[in-house]
Amino acid sequence: MKNKIFISERKRLNLTQAQLAKKLNTSRSNVANWENGFNKPSIDLMCKCSVLFNCDMLYLAGYQEIRCLNDKN
């Protein structure tokens, strides 16, 4: 199952998979695999994504629907 959260967050920042991969110091194929649901990022990369996307790690992992617990929207 596709990871729509990673796709939407990447697109929200107007990044290609290759650009996101470069920012995270990983490969474009890793990013593609996360987005296509073939695997998940390591805890370290999930943390980096959380900072880059400015959202909660639990949101990225699909455990909560709110991007950031501090968001009022």
Protein backbone atom coordinates (compact mmCIF):
# COMPACT_ATOMS: atom_id res chain seq x y z
CA MET A 1 0.00 0.00 0.00
CA LYS A 2 1.34 3.42 -0.95
CA ASN A 3 2.47 5.72 1.81
CA LYS A 4 0.41 8.77 0.90
CA ILE A 5 1.80 10.74 3.84
CA PHE A 6 5.40 10.65 2.58
CA ILE A 7 4.24 11.46 -0.94
CA SER A 8 2.13 14.43 0.14
CA GLU A 9 4.80 15.80 2.49
CA ARG A 10 7.47 15.56 -0.20
CA LYS A 11 5.21 17.26 -2.73
CA ARG A 12 4.21 19.91 -0.18
CA LEU A 13 7.88 20.97 -0.15
CA ASN A 14 8.03 20.74 -3.96
CA LEU A 15 10.79 18.12 -3.81
CA THR A 16 11.47 15.29 -6.21
CA GLN A 17 12.34 11.89 -4.81
CA ALA A 18 15.96 12.54 -5.78
CA GLN A 19 16.01 15.91 -4.01
CA LEU A 20 14.52 14.43 -0.85
CA ALA A 21 17.00 11.56 -0.96
CA LYS A 22 19.89 14.02 -1.22
CA LYS A 23 18.64 16.02 1.78
CA LEU A 24 18.37 12.79 3.80
CA ASN A 25 21.67 11.36 2.53
CA THR A 26 19.99 8.24 1.16
CA SER A 27 19.16 6.89 -2.28
CA ARG A 28 16.24 7.86 -4.50
CA SER A 29 15.25 4.18 -4.63
CA ASN A 30 14.90 4.17 -0.82
CA VAL A 31 12.52 7.12 -1.01
CA ALA A 32 10.58 5.41 -3.81
CA ASN A 33 10.36 2.21 -1.75
CA TRP A 34 8.98 4.13 1.27
CA GLU A 35 6.40 5.88 -0.90
CA ASN A 36 5.36 2.62 -2.57
CA GLY A 37 5.06 0.86 0.79
CA PHE A 38 7.79 -1.70 0.15
CA ASN A 39 9.67 -0.72 3.31
CA LYS A 40 9.91 1.99 5.94
CA PRO A 41 12.72 4.37 6.82
CA SER A 42 14.98 3.67 9.78
CA ILE A 43 14.32 5.55 13.01
CA ASP A 44 17.19 7.92 12.17
CA LEU A 45 15.75 8.73 8.75
CA MET A 46 12.23 8.99 10.14
CA CYS A 47 13.52 11.57 12.62
CA LYS A 48 15.23 13.52 9.82
CA CYS A 49 12.01 13.41 7.78
CA SER A 50 10.03 14.64 10.76
CA VAL A 51 12.32 17.65 11.14
CA LEU A 52 12.43 18.37 7.40
CA PHE A 53 8.65 18.05 7.01
CA ASN A 54 8.02 19.83 10.33
CA CYS A 55 5.61 17.16 11.49
CA ASP A 56 5.29 14.53 14.19
CA MET A 57 6.99 11.15 13.68
CA LEU A 58 3.77 9.41 14.71
CA TYR A 59 2.00 11.18 11.85
CA LEU A 60 4.66 10.04 9.38
CA ALA A 61 4.37 6.48 10.66
CA GLY A 62 0.59 6.59 10.24
CA TYR A 63 -0.26 6.31 13.93
CA GLN A 64 -2.00 9.67 14.20
CA GLU A 65 -3.97 11.84 11.80
CA ILE A 66 -2.77 15.20 13.05
CA ARG A 67 0.46 16.45 11.38
CA CYS A 68 1.71 18.07 14.56
CA LEU A 69 0.26 17.84 18.04
CA ASN A 70 0.76 21.60 18.39
CA ASP A 71 -1.36 22.30 15.30
CA LYS A 72 -4.71 23.80 16.09
CA ASN A 73 -6.05 22.95 12.59
